[in-house]
């Protein structure tokens, strides 16, 4: 499948060097970025020839006539690039967060559906073995009725006094990081949130300009989920998907996913407890994980003529929960989702 990549900043270059090569079904026929510095950095890194670089998504699409467009630009560039691709009749996958507002995201989803195109969002934490196994266990009622969930995420960002781009975001926790966890909540529970009550803050000594810590109670239509997230925790770091405990009528599932090996977590883990017996499960093999998994699902869906698991329509509920949490934190009130 011939694609154009839009967005060649640091994250976009990482996509180009580490993720796209894992999906041989994809051929990149052009790359675009509005920044001359980003284009030159990609050329200098050997990612792209100068003749295949373009300033805008429109120019790249017009010159190469791709089958699809991959948008890896920063959030401000998502809506313009996605709209340009859809209006040109191209399938699109866009990095998370999908859009700055739910209204803009909904407009794009409606446009894609009107044109019969696939629009996907790269919620890459879905594509790991533990997530898929827990999703199955919950759906099949392996331990009976689920009634409560606890999720903790802990990292310390900026330990050496060095700031990255996320340190300057308005919402470095909820919109940049917790959106992954909000999406996983929906995936493994198999239902959408009804209400969220959230509080966020930032310690005086942190390197962040926005709230780096937060807590939330999320009502998933009868299932209560307690969430704690921190970019500035001195506690034991969790894997990127966080540490989960899920209480059922007949036992507990404890699991985690997307460890990076730096703190002892090298693989996904799922444990089931029934009474005093605790068993570690053998997890299914996932051929392509992480962002390679999202891209593979996108390409496969187009080929098979179906909507992907990570479709734009599905992602509206994740985006709605994320921005409802932001509103709740800002107002100090519980907010209905959707």
C-alpha atoms as a PDB file:
ATOM      1  CA  UNK A   1       0.000   0.000   0.000  1.00  0.00           C
ATOM      2  CA  UNK A   2       1.439   3.347  -1.067  1.00  0.00           C
ATOM      3  CA  UNK A   3       1.349   5.984   1.660  1.00  0.00           C
ATOM      4  CA  UNK A   4       2.422   9.545   2.345  1.00  0.00           C
ATOM      5  CA  UNK A   5       3.700  10.437   5.807  1.00  0.00           C
ATOM      6  CA  UNK A   6       2.856  13.915   7.109  1.00  0.00           C
ATOM      7  CA  UNK A   7       4.945  15.084  10.061  1.00  0.00           C
ATOM      8  CA  UNK A   8       8.739  14.756  10.276  1.00  0.00           C
ATOM      9  CA  UNK A   9       9.484  16.097  13.746  1.00  0.00           C
ATOM     10  CA  UNK A  10      11.278  13.901  16.256  1.00  0.00           C
ATOM     11  CA  UNK A  11       8.302  11.596  16.715  1.00  0.00           C
ATOM     12  CA  UNK A  12       7.602  11.446  12.992  1.00  0.00           C
ATOM     13  CA  UNK A  13      11.224  10.510  12.303  1.00  0.00           C
ATOM     14  CA  UNK A  14      10.944   7.765  14.917  1.00  0.00           C
ATOM     15  CA  UNK A  15       7.919   6.448  13.057  1.00  0.00           C
ATOM     16  CA  UNK A  16       9.926   6.488   9.835  1.00  0.00           C
ATOM     17  CA  UNK A  17      13.010   4.770  11.247  1.00  0.00           C
ATOM     18  CA  UNK A  18      11.567   2.267  13.705  1.00  0.00           C
ATOM     19  CA  UNK A  19       7.884   1.582  13.035  1.00  0.00           C
ATOM     20  CA  UNK A  20       7.079   1.805   9.337  1.00  0.00           C
ATOM     21  CA  UNK A  21       9.881  -0.635   8.378  1.00  0.00           C
ATOM     22  CA  UNK A  22       8.153  -3.297  10.497  1.00  0.00           C
ATOM     23  CA  UNK A  23       5.158  -3.224   8.129  1.00  0.00           C
ATOM     24  CA  UNK A  24       6.408  -4.425   4.735  1.00  0.00           C
ATOM     25  CA  UNK A  25       2.945  -4.050   3.198  1.00  0.00           C
ATOM     26  CA  UNK A  26       3.575  -0.303   3.253  1.00  0.00           C
ATOM     27  CA  UNK A  27       5.593   1.687   0.713  1.00  0.00           C
ATOM     28  CA  UNK A  28       6.241   5.329   1.594  1.00  0.00           C
ATOM     29  CA  UNK A  29       6.115   7.386  -1.598  1.00  0.00           C
ATOM     30  CA  UNK A  30       6.470  10.841  -0.065  1.00  0.00           C
ATOM     31  CA  UNK A  31       6.930  12.713   3.191  1.00  0.00           C
ATOM     32  CA  UNK A  32       5.785  16.199   4.185  1.00  0.00           C
ATOM     33  CA  UNK A  33       6.373  18.718   6.931  1.00  0.00           C
ATOM     34  CA  UNK A  34       5.706  22.443   7.065  1.00  0.00           C
ATOM     35  CA  UNK A  35       9.020  22.987   8.886  1.00  0.00           C
ATOM     36  CA  UNK A  36      12.149  23.275   6.708  1.00  0.00           C
ATOM     37  CA  UNK A  37      14.251  22.204   9.677  1.00  0.00           C
ATOM     38  CA  UNK A  38      12.247  19.004  10.137  1.00  0.00           C
ATOM     39  CA  UNK A  39      12.431  18.200   6.426  1.00  0.00           C
ATOM     40  CA  UNK A  40      16.188  18.764   6.437  1.00  0.00           C
ATOM     41  CA  UNK A  41      16.626  16.629   9.556  1.00  0.00           C
ATOM     42  CA  UNK A  42      14.813  13.764   7.827  1.00  0.00           C
ATOM     43  CA  UNK A  43      16.940  14.161   4.710  1.00  0.00           C
ATOM     44  CA  UNK A  44      20.153  14.301   6.753  1.00  0.00           C
ATOM     45  CA  UNK A  45      19.148  11.164   8.657  1.00  0.00           C
ATOM     46  CA  UNK A  46      18.699   9.297   5.385  1.00  0.00           C
ATOM     47  CA  UNK A  47      14.975   8.852   5.970  1.00  0.00           C
ATOM     48  CA  UNK A  48      13.916  10.457   2.713  1.00  0.00           C
ATOM     49  CA  UNK A  49      15.391  11.831  -0.484  1.00  0.00           C
ATOM     50  CA  UNK A  50      14.982  15.552  -1.000  1.00  0.00           C
ATOM     51  CA  UNK A  51      13.019  14.879  -4.191  1.00  0.00           C
ATOM     52  CA  UNK A  52      10.377  13.024  -2.142  1.00  0.00           C
ATOM     53  CA  UNK A  53       9.853  15.725   0.495  1.00  0.00           C
ATOM     54  CA  UNK A  54       7.043  18.262   0.421  1.00  0.00           C
ATOM     55  CA  UNK A  55       5.960  21.257   2.472  1.00  0.00           C
ATOM     56  CA  UNK A  56       2.296  20.316   2.801  1.00  0.00           C
ATOM     57  CA  UNK A  57       0.064  17.267   2.811  1.00  0.00           C
ATOM     58  CA  UNK A  58      -1.750  18.655  -0.219  1.00  0.00           C
ATOM     59  CA  UNK A  59       1.477  18.922  -2.230  1.00  0.00           C
ATOM     60  CA  UNK A  60       2.629  15.424  -1.297  1.00  0.00           C
ATOM     61  CA  UNK A  61      -0.740  13.896  -2.170  1.00  0.00           C
ATOM     62  CA  UNK A  62      -0.963  15.731  -5.490  1.00  0.00           C
ATOM     63  CA  UNK A  63       2.544  14.670  -6.494  1.00  0.00           C
ATOM     64  CA  UNK A  64       2.363  11.000  -5.482  1.00  0.00           C
ATOM     65  CA  UNK A  65      -1.328   9.952  -5.545  1.00  0.00           C
ATOM     66  CA  UNK A  66      -0.989   7.562  -2.563  1.00  0.00           C
ATOM     67  CA  UNK A  67      -3.539   5.067  -1.310  1.00  0.00           C
ATOM     68  CA  UNK A  68      -3.391   6.413   2.228  1.00  0.00           C
ATOM     69  CA  UNK A  69      -1.876   9.073   4.465  1.00  0.00           C
ATOM     70  CA  UNK A  70      -0.196   8.630   7.850  1.00  0.00           C
ATOM     71  CA  UNK A  71      -0.332  11.793   9.978  1.00  0.00           C
ATOM     72  CA  UNK A  72       2.448  11.942  12.581  1.00  0.00           C
ATOM     73  CA  UNK A  73       2.483  15.719  12.968  1.00  0.00           C
ATOM     74  CA  UNK A  74       1.940  17.481  16.295  1.00  0.00           C
ATOM     75  CA  UNK A  75      -1.646  17.971  17.472  1.00  0.00           C
ATOM     76  CA  UNK A  76      -2.072  21.395  15.866  1.00  0.00           C
ATOM     77  CA  UNK A  77      -1.486  19.821  12.455  1.00  0.00           C
ATOM     78  CA  UNK A  78      -3.859  16.860  12.809  1.00  0.00           C
ATOM     79  CA  UNK A  79      -7.146  18.338  11.649  1.00  0.00           C
ATOM     80  CA  UNK A  80      -5.786  20.197   8.566  1.00  0.00           C
ATOM     81  CA  UNK A  81      -3.756  17.205   7.376  1.00  0.00           C
ATOM     82  CA  UNK A  82      -6.526  14.668   7.959  1.00  0.00           C
ATOM     83  CA  UNK A  83      -9.100  16.868   6.241  1.00  0.00           C
ATOM     84  CA  UNK A  84      -6.829  17.424   3.233  1.00  0.00           C
ATOM     85  CA  UNK A  85      -6.260  13.697   2.852  1.00  0.00           C
ATOM     86  CA  UNK A  86      -9.935  12.786   3.173  1.00  0.00           C
ATOM     87  CA  UNK A  87     -11.009  15.477   0.729  1.00  0.00           C
ATOM     88  CA  UNK A  88      -8.473  14.045  -1.720  1.00  0.00           C
ATOM     89  CA  UNK A  89     -10.118  10.628  -1.339  1.00  0.00           C
ATOM     90  CA  UNK A  90      -7.360   8.999   0.739  1.00  0.00           C
ATOM     91  CA  UNK A  91      -7.611   6.701   3.738  1.00  0.00           C
ATOM     92  CA  UNK A  92      -5.988   8.177   6.854  1.00  0.00           C
ATOM     93  CA  UNK A  93      -4.395   7.114  10.106  1.00  0.00           C
ATOM     94  CA  UNK A  94      -3.568   9.897  12.563  1.00  0.00           C
ATOM     95  CA  UNK A  95      -1.539   9.897  15.758  1.00  0.00           C
ATOM     96  CA  UNK A  96      -3.268  10.435  19.083  1.00  0.00           C
ATOM     97  CA  UNK A  97      -4.724  12.723  20.327  1.00  0.00           C
ATOM     98  CA  UNK A  98      -7.068  12.583  17.342  1.00  0.00           C
ATOM     99  CA  UNK A  99      -8.019  16.289  17.407  1.00  0.00           C
ATOM    100  CA  UNK A 100      -8.046  19.320  19.722  1.00  0.00           C
ATOM    101  CA  UNK A 101     -11.819  19.006  20.226  1.00  0.00           C
ATOM    102  CA  UNK A 102     -14.447  16.279  19.999  1.00  0.00           C
ATOM    103  CA  UNK A 103     -16.422  18.448  17.569  1.00  0.00           C
ATOM    104  CA  UNK A 104     -13.515  18.602  15.107  1.00  0.00           C
ATOM    105  CA  UNK A 105     -12.914  14.874  15.411  1.00  0.00           C
ATOM    106  CA  UNK A 106     -16.590  14.143  14.797  1.00  0.00           C
ATOM    107  CA  UNK A 107     -16.557  16.311  11.680  1.00  0.00           C
ATOM    108  CA  UNK A 108     -13.636  14.315  10.299  1.00  0.00           C
ATOM    109  CA  UNK A 109     -15.271  10.974  11.123  1.00  0.00           C
ATOM    110  CA  UNK A 110     -18.450  12.061   9.343  1.00  0.00           C
ATOM    111  CA  UNK A 111     -16.415  13.192   6.330  1.00  0.00           C
ATOM    112  CA  UNK A 112     -14.593   9.856   6.117  1.00  0.00           C
ATOM    113  CA  UNK A 113     -17.836   7.903   6.328  1.00  0.00           C
ATOM    114  CA  UNK A 114     -19.493  10.082   3.691  1.00  0.00           C
ATOM    115  CA  UNK A 115     -16.621   9.333   1.323  1.00  0.00           C
ATOM    116  CA  UNK A 116     -16.404   5.635   2.202  1.00  0.00           C
ATOM    117  CA  UNK A 117     -12.860   5.959   3.550  1.00  0.00           C
ATOM    118  CA  UNK A 118     -11.072   4.394   6.504  1.00  0.00           C
ATOM    119  CA  UNK A 119     -10.048   6.823   9.243  1.00  0.00           C
ATOM    120  CA  UNK A 120      -8.016   5.341  12.108  1.00  0.00           C
ATOM    121  CA  UNK A 121      -6.282   6.680  15.216  1.00  0.00           C
ATOM    122  CA  UNK A 122      -2.985   5.250  16.421  1.00  0.00           C
ATOM    123  CA  UNK A 123      -3.932   4.166  19.953  1.00  0.00           C
ATOM    124  CA  UNK A 124      -0.954   1.836  20.068  1.00  0.00           C
ATOM    125  CA  UNK A 125      -1.331   0.480  23.625  1.00  0.00           C
ATOM    126  CA  UNK A 126      -4.186  -1.715  22.366  1.00  0.00           C
ATOM    127  CA  UNK A 127      -1.818  -3.877  20.380  1.00  0.00           C
ATOM    128  CA  UNK A 128      -0.101  -5.880  23.113  1.00  0.00           C
ATOM    129  CA  UNK A 129      -0.671  -9.447  24.379  1.00  0.00           C
ATOM    130  CA  UNK A 130      -1.890  -8.612  27.893  1.00  0.00           C
ATOM    131  CA  UNK A 131      -4.485  -6.167  26.602  1.00  0.00           C
ATOM    132  CA  UNK A 132      -5.901  -8.660  24.147  1.00  0.00           C
ATOM    133  CA  UNK A 133      -6.004 -11.454  26.735  1.00  0.00           C
ATOM    134  CA  UNK A 134      -7.681  -9.356  29.443  1.00  0.00           C
ATOM    135  CA  UNK A 135     -10.146  -8.020  26.906  1.00  0.00           C
ATOM    136  CA  UNK A 136     -11.112 -11.623  26.110  1.00  0.00           C
ATOM    137  CA  UNK A 137     -11.336 -12.702  29.755  1.00  0.00           C
ATOM    138  CA  UNK A 138     -13.674  -9.835  30.618  1.00  0.00           C
ATOM    139  CA  UNK A 139     -15.849 -10.318  27.525  1.00  0.00           C
ATOM    140  CA  UNK A 140     -16.230 -14.040  28.218  1.00  0.00           C
ATOM    141  CA  UNK A 141     -16.998 -13.543  31.918  1.00  0.00           C
ATOM    142  CA  UNK A 142     -14.152 -15.778  33.051  1.00  0.00           C
ATOM    143  CA  UNK A 143     -14.380 -14.552  36.663  1.00  0.00           C
ATOM    144  CA  UNK A 144     -17.988 -13.459  36.761  1.00  0.00           C
ATOM    145  CA  UNK A 145     -19.234  -9.912  37.198  1.00  0.00           C
ATOM    146  CA  UNK A 146     -16.635  -7.122  37.176  1.00  0.00           C
ATOM    147  CA  UNK A 147     -17.360  -4.411  39.738  1.00  0.00           C
ATOM    148  CA  UNK A 148     -14.191  -2.409  40.488  1.00  0.00           C
ATOM    149  CA  UNK A 149     -10.887  -1.530  38.815  1.00  0.00           C
ATOM    150  CA  UNK A 150      -7.740   0.178  40.097  1.00  0.00           C
ATOM    151  CA  UNK A 151      -5.150   1.603  37.685  1.00  0.00           C
ATOM    152  CA  UNK A 152      -1.866   3.250  38.678  1.00  0.00           C
ATOM    153  CA  UNK A 153       0.687   4.908  36.390  1.00  0.00           C
ATOM    154  CA  UNK A 154       3.994   6.193  37.792  1.00  0.00           C
ATOM    155  CA  UNK A 155       7.029   7.679  36.075  1.00  0.00           C
ATOM    156  CA  UNK A 156       9.517  10.417  36.891  1.00  0.00           C
ATOM    157  CA  UNK A 157      10.131  12.585  33.838  1.00  0.00           C
ATOM    158  CA  UNK A 158      13.000  15.057  33.928  1.00  0.00           C
ATOM    159  CA  UNK A 159      15.124  13.311  36.526  1.00  0.00           C
ATOM    160  CA  UNK A 160      18.305  14.840  35.081  1.00  0.00           C
ATOM    161  CA  UNK A 161      16.833  18.314  34.837  1.00  0.00           C
ATOM    162  CA  UNK A 162      16.287  17.995  31.096  1.00  0.00           C
ATOM    163  CA  UNK A 163      12.968  19.053  29.615  1.00  0.00           C
ATOM    164  CA  UNK A 164      11.365  17.409  26.602  1.00  0.00           C
ATOM    165  CA  UNK A 165       8.514  18.693  24.438  1.00  0.00           C
ATOM    166  CA  UNK A 166       5.873  17.155  26.721  1.00  0.00           C
ATOM    167  CA  UNK A 167       7.097  19.255  29.652  1.00  0.00           C
ATOM    168  CA  UNK A 168       5.706  22.347  27.913  1.00  0.00           C
ATOM    169  CA  UNK A 169       2.232  20.987  27.128  1.00  0.00           C
ATOM    170  CA  UNK A 170      -0.873  22.482  28.711  1.00  0.00           C
ATOM    171  CA  UNK A 171      -2.061  18.996  29.716  1.00  0.00           C
ATOM    172  CA  UNK A 172       1.030  16.745  29.865  1.00  0.00           C
ATOM    173  CA  UNK A 173      -0.701  14.060  31.910  1.00  0.00           C
ATOM    174  CA  UNK A 174      -4.330  13.830  30.795  1.00  0.00           C
ATOM    175  CA  UNK A 175      -4.082  14.619  27.078  1.00  0.00           C
ATOM    176  CA  UNK A 176      -0.584  13.365  26.305  1.00  0.00           C
ATOM    177  CA  UNK A 177      -0.365  10.283  28.548  1.00  0.00           C
ATOM    178  CA  UNK A 178      -3.613   9.373  30.285  1.00  0.00           C
ATOM    179  CA  UNK A 179      -5.393   9.242  26.934  1.00  0.00           C
ATOM    180  CA  UNK A 180      -3.632   5.884  26.445  1.00  0.00           C
ATOM    181  CA  UNK A 181      -5.033   4.649  29.747  1.00  0.00           C
ATOM    182  CA  UNK A 182      -8.509   6.024  29.026  1.00  0.00           C
ATOM    183  CA  UNK A 183      -8.491   4.111  25.744  1.00  0.00           C
ATOM    184  CA  UNK A 184      -7.368   0.903  27.460  1.00  0.00           C
ATOM    185  CA  UNK A 185     -10.153   1.288  30.019  1.00  0.00           C
ATOM    186  CA  UNK A 186     -12.724   1.237  27.233  1.00  0.00           C
ATOM    187  CA  UNK A 187     -11.027  -1.634  25.413  1.00  0.00           C
ATOM    188  CA  UNK A 188     -10.702  -4.075  28.298  1.00  0.00           C
ATOM    189  CA  UNK A 189     -14.006  -3.195  29.970  1.00  0.00           C
ATOM    190  CA  UNK A 190     -15.904  -3.385  26.699  1.00  0.00           C
ATOM    191  CA  UNK A 191     -18.018  -0.324  27.504  1.00  0.00           C
ATOM    192  CA  UNK A 192     -17.856   3.463  27.469  1.00  0.00           C
ATOM    193  CA  UNK A 193     -17.542   5.844  30.401  1.00  0.00           C
ATOM    194  CA  UNK A 194     -20.622   7.672  31.672  1.00  0.00           C
ATOM    195  CA  UNK A 195     -19.037  10.149  34.091  1.00  0.00           C
ATOM    196  CA  UNK A 196     -15.595  11.219  35.318  1.00  0.00           C
ATOM    197  CA  UNK A 197     -14.552  13.126  38.435  1.00  0.00           C
ATOM    198  CA  UNK A 198     -10.936  14.259  38.088  1.00  0.00           C
ATOM    199  CA  UNK A 199      -8.390  16.403  39.955  1.00  0.00           C
ATOM    200  CA  UNK A 200      -4.955  17.392  38.661  1.00  0.00           C
ATOM    201  CA  UNK A 201      -2.039  19.413  40.050  1.00  0.00           C
ATOM    202  CA  UNK A 202       1.645  20.144  39.555  1.00  0.00           C
ATOM    203  CA  UNK A 203       4.254  20.263  42.354  1.00  0.00           C
ATOM    204  CA  UNK A 204       6.137  23.555  42.639  1.00  0.00           C
ATOM    205  CA  UNK A 205       9.444  21.814  41.936  1.00  0.00           C
ATOM    206  CA  UNK A 206       8.447  19.902  38.780  1.00  0.00           C
ATOM    207  CA  UNK A 207       9.770  20.717  35.314  1.00  0.00           C
ATOM    208  CA  UNK A 208       6.272  20.724  33.816  1.00  0.00           C
ATOM    209  CA  UNK A 209       4.286  23.820  32.920  1.00  0.00           C
ATOM    210  CA  UNK A 210       0.951  21.997  33.164  1.00  0.00           C
ATOM    211  CA  UNK A 211      -0.537  19.488  35.639  1.00  0.00           C
ATOM    212  CA  UNK A 212       1.758  16.469  35.931  1.00  0.00           C
ATOM    213  CA  UNK A 213      -0.254  14.460  38.472  1.00  0.00           C
ATOM    214  CA  UNK A 214      -3.880  13.490  38.745  1.00  0.00           C
ATOM    215  CA  UNK A 215      -6.534  11.195  40.149  1.00  0.00           C
ATOM    216  CA  UNK A 216      -9.911  10.273  38.718  1.00  0.00           C
ATOM    217  CA  UNK A 217     -12.997   8.211  39.469  1.00  0.00           C
ATOM    218  CA  UNK A 218     -14.594   6.978  36.264  1.00  0.00           C
ATOM    219  CA  UNK A 219     -18.073   5.450  36.110  1.00  0.00           C
ATOM    220  CA  UNK A 220     -18.320   2.817  33.397  1.00  0.00           C
ATOM    221  CA  UNK A 221     -22.058   2.184  33.670  1.00  0.00           C
ATOM    222  CA  UNK A 222     -21.910   0.306  36.955  1.00  0.00           C
ATOM    223  CA  UNK A 223     -18.174  -0.424  37.086  1.00  0.00           C
ATOM    224  CA  UNK A 224     -16.148   2.034  39.161  1.00  0.00           C
ATOM    225  CA  UNK A 225     -12.576   2.652  38.061  1.00  0.00           C
ATOM    226  CA  UNK A 226     -10.049   4.428  40.289  1.00  0.00           C
ATOM    227  CA  UNK A 227      -7.161   6.022  38.396  1.00  0.00           C
ATOM    228  CA  UNK A 228      -3.927   7.601  39.623  1.00  0.00           C
ATOM    229  CA  UNK A 229      -1.349   8.994  37.222  1.00  0.00           C
ATOM    230  CA  UNK A 230       1.936  10.809  37.769  1.00  0.00           C
ATOM    231  CA  UNK A 231       4.833  12.082  35.680  1.00  0.00           C
ATOM    232  CA  UNK A 232       6.726  13.068  38.847  1.00  0.00           C
ATOM    233  CA  UNK A 233       6.497  10.016  41.101  1.00  0.00           C
ATOM    234  CA  UNK A 234       9.504   8.852  43.136  1.00  0.00           C
ATOM    235  CA  UNK A 235       7.789   5.486  43.586  1.00  0.00           C
ATOM    236  CA  UNK A 236       8.595   2.331  41.660  1.00  0.00           C
ATOM    237  CA  UNK A 237       7.948   3.096  37.972  1.00  0.00           C
ATOM    238  CA  UNK A 238       5.162   1.195  36.266  1.00  0.00           C
ATOM    239  CA  UNK A 239       5.171  -0.069  32.694  1.00  0.00           C
ATOM    240  CA  UNK A 240       3.664   2.429  30.287  1.00  0.00           C
ATOM    241  CA  UNK A 241       0.216   0.814  30.381  1.00  0.00           C
ATOM    242  CA  UNK A 242       0.193   1.088  34.179  1.00  0.00           C
ATOM    243  CA  UNK A 243      -0.552  -1.499  36.869  1.00  0.00           C
ATOM    244  CA  UNK A 244      -4.090  -2.874  36.839  1.00  0.00           C
ATOM    245  CA  UNK A 245      -6.166  -4.699  39.431  1.00  0.00           C
ATOM    246  CA  UNK A 246      -9.644  -5.800  38.414  1.00  0.00           C
ATOM    247  CA  UNK A 247     -12.051  -7.237  41.005  1.00  0.00           C
ATOM    248  CA  UNK A 248     -14.701  -9.732  39.897  1.00  0.00           C
ATOM    249  CA  UNK A 249     -17.321 -11.798  41.680  1.00  0.00           C
ATOM    250  CA  UNK A 250     -15.080 -14.883  41.512  1.00  0.00           C
ATOM    251  CA  UNK A 251     -11.563 -13.479  41.720  1.00  0.00           C
ATOM    252  CA  UNK A 252      -9.084 -10.871  40.549  1.00  0.00           C
ATOM    253  CA  UNK A 253      -7.072 -10.141  37.418  1.00  0.00           C
ATOM    254  CA  UNK A 254      -3.799  -8.238  37.911  1.00  0.00           C
ATOM    255  CA  UNK A 255      -1.932  -7.227  34.801  1.00  0.00           C
ATOM    256  CA  UNK A 256       0.456  -4.834  33.152  1.00  0.00           C
ATOM    257  CA  UNK A 257       1.714  -4.123  29.652  1.00  0.00           C
ATOM    258  CA  UNK A 258       4.236  -2.273  27.527  1.00  0.00           C
ATOM    259  CA  UNK A 259       7.285  -2.486  29.760  1.00  0.00           C
ATOM    260  CA  UNK A 260      10.420  -0.953  28.297  1.00  0.00           C
ATOM    261  CA  UNK A 261      12.953  -3.073  30.181  1.00  0.00           C
ATOM    262  CA  UNK A 262      14.478  -0.158  32.071  1.00  0.00           C
ATOM    263  CA  UNK A 263      12.859  -0.949  35.405  1.00  0.00           C
ATOM    264  CA  UNK A 264      12.667  -4.730  35.340  1.00  0.00           C
ATOM    265  CA  UNK A 265       9.548  -5.019  33.173  1.00  0.00           C
ATOM    266  CA  UNK A 266      10.447  -6.756  29.935  1.00  0.00           C
ATOM    267  CA  UNK A 267       7.161  -8.361  28.902  1.00  0.00           C
ATOM    268  CA  UNK A 268       3.413  -8.244  29.439  1.00  0.00           C
ATOM    269  CA  UNK A 269       2.051 -10.107  32.466  1.00  0.00           C
ATOM    270  CA  UNK A 270      -1.439 -11.282  33.436  1.00  0.00           C
ATOM    271  CA  UNK A 271      -2.199 -12.992  36.754  1.00  0.00           C
ATOM    272  CA  UNK A 272      -5.509 -14.542  37.840  1.00  0.00           C
ATOM    273  CA  UNK A 273      -6.351 -15.031  41.513  1.00  0.00           C
ATOM    274  CA  UNK A 274      -9.115 -17.397  42.640  1.00  0.00           C
ATOM    275  CA  UNK A 275      -9.187 -17.600  46.408  1.00  0.00           C
ATOM    276  CA  UNK A 276      -5.602 -18.309  47.537  1.00  0.00           C
ATOM    277  CA  UNK A 277      -4.509 -19.631  44.146  1.00  0.00           C
ATOM    278  CA  UNK A 278      -2.646 -17.192  41.906  1.00  0.00           C
ATOM    279  CA  UNK A 279      -1.788 -18.223  38.334  1.00  0.00           C
ATOM    280  CA  UNK A 280       0.325 -16.477  35.697  1.00  0.00           C
ATOM    281  CA  UNK A 281      -1.214 -16.854  32.256  1.00  0.00           C
ATOM    282  CA  UNK A 282       0.536 -17.765  29.030  1.00  0.00           C
ATOM    283  CA  UNK A 283      -0.315 -14.904  26.709  1.00  0.00           C
ATOM    284  CA  UNK A 284      -1.223 -15.053  23.011  1.00  0.00           C
ATOM    285  CA  UNK A 285       1.458 -14.137  20.517  1.00  0.00           C
ATOM    286  CA  UNK A 286       0.952 -10.761  18.875  1.00  0.00           C
ATOM    287  CA  UNK A 287       2.960 -10.606  15.664  1.00  0.00           C
ATOM    288  CA  UNK A 288       3.228  -6.812  15.525  1.00  0.00           C
ATOM    289  CA  UNK A 289       2.863  -4.740  18.653  1.00  0.00           C
ATOM    290  CA  UNK A 290       2.805  -1.045  19.479  1.00  0.00           C
ATOM    291  CA  UNK A 291       2.593   1.443  16.601  1.00  0.00           C
ATOM    292  CA  UNK A 292       3.508  -1.273  14.081  1.00  0.00           C
ATOM    293  CA  UNK A 293       0.347  -2.997  15.300  1.00  0.00           C
ATOM    294  CA  UNK A 294      -1.807   0.062  14.686  1.00  0.00           C
ATOM    295  CA  UNK A 295      -0.402   0.518  11.193  1.00  0.00           C
ATOM    296  CA  UNK A 296      -0.907  -3.159  10.395  1.00  0.00           C
ATOM    297  CA  UNK A 297      -4.520  -3.031  11.573  1.00  0.00           C
ATOM    298  CA  UNK A 298      -5.086   0.080   9.450  1.00  0.00           C
ATOM    299  CA  UNK A 299      -3.671  -1.524   6.300  1.00  0.00           C
ATOM    300  CA  UNK A 300      -5.483  -4.811   6.911  1.00  0.00           C
ATOM    301  CA  UNK A 301      -8.811  -3.068   7.412  1.00  0.00           C
ATOM    302  CA  UNK A 302      -8.451  -1.194   4.122  1.00  0.00           C
ATOM    303  CA  UNK A 303      -7.497  -4.402   2.312  1.00  0.00           C
ATOM    304  CA  UNK A 304     -10.431  -6.324   3.802  1.00  0.00           C
ATOM    305  CA  UNK A 305     -12.936  -3.512   3.290  1.00  0.00           C
ATOM    306  CA  UNK A 306     -13.836  -3.095   6.966  1.00  0.00           C
ATOM    307  CA  UNK A 307     -13.393  -0.570   9.772  1.00  0.00           C
ATOM    308  CA  UNK A 308     -10.318  -1.072  11.970  1.00  0.00           C
ATOM    309  CA  UNK A 309     -10.443  -1.793  15.698  1.00  0.00           C
ATOM    310  CA  UNK A 310      -8.826   1.629  16.204  1.00  0.00           C
ATOM    311  CA  UNK A 311     -11.287   3.496  13.996  1.00  0.00           C
ATOM    312  CA  UNK A 312     -11.915   7.203  14.253  1.00  0.00           C
ATOM    313  CA  UNK A 313     -15.547   6.543  15.143  1.00  0.00           C
ATOM    314  CA  UNK A 314     -14.525   4.341  18.059  1.00  0.00           C
ATOM    315  CA  UNK A 315     -11.920   6.872  19.185  1.00  0.00           C
ATOM    316  CA  UNK A 316     -14.534   9.568  19.708  1.00  0.00           C
ATOM    317  CA  UNK A 317     -15.446   7.907  23.009  1.00  0.00           C
ATOM    318  CA  UNK A 318     -11.797   7.924  24.138  1.00  0.00           C
ATOM    319  CA  UNK A 319     -11.442  11.568  23.164  1.00  0.00           C
ATOM    320  CA  UNK A 320     -14.709  12.445  24.935  1.00  0.00           C
ATOM    321  CA  UNK A 321     -13.503  10.813  28.162  1.00  0.00           C
ATOM    322  CA  UNK A 322     -10.137  12.578  27.927  1.00  0.00           C
ATOM    323  CA  UNK A 323     -11.588  16.050  27.474  1.00  0.00           C
ATOM    324  CA  UNK A 324     -14.295  15.398  30.080  1.00  0.00           C
ATOM    325  CA  UNK A 325     -11.482  14.626  32.552  1.00  0.00           C
ATOM    326  CA  UNK A 326      -9.779  17.900  31.599  1.00  0.00           C
ATOM    327  CA  UNK A 327     -13.040  19.808  32.156  1.00  0.00           C
ATOM    328  CA  UNK A 328     -13.647  18.084  35.476  1.00  0.00           C
ATOM    329  CA  UNK A 329     -10.158  18.963  36.688  1.00  0.00           C
ATOM    330  CA  UNK A 330     -10.626  22.572  35.610  1.00  0.00           C
ATOM    331  CA  UNK A 331     -14.044  23.026  37.229  1.00  0.00           C
ATOM    332  CA  UNK A 332     -13.755  20.714  40.222  1.00  0.00           C
ATOM    333  CA  UNK A 333     -17.019  19.021  39.247  1.00  0.00           C
ATOM    334  CA  UNK A 334     -17.965  15.568  37.936  1.00  0.00           C
ATOM    335  CA  UNK A 335     -18.595  15.698  34.177  1.00  0.00           C
ATOM    336  CA  UNK A 336     -20.866  13.517  32.079  1.00  0.00           C
ATOM    337  CA  UNK A 337     -19.037  11.868  29.188  1.00  0.00           C
ATOM    338  CA  UNK A 338     -20.374  12.113  25.653  1.00  0.00           C
END
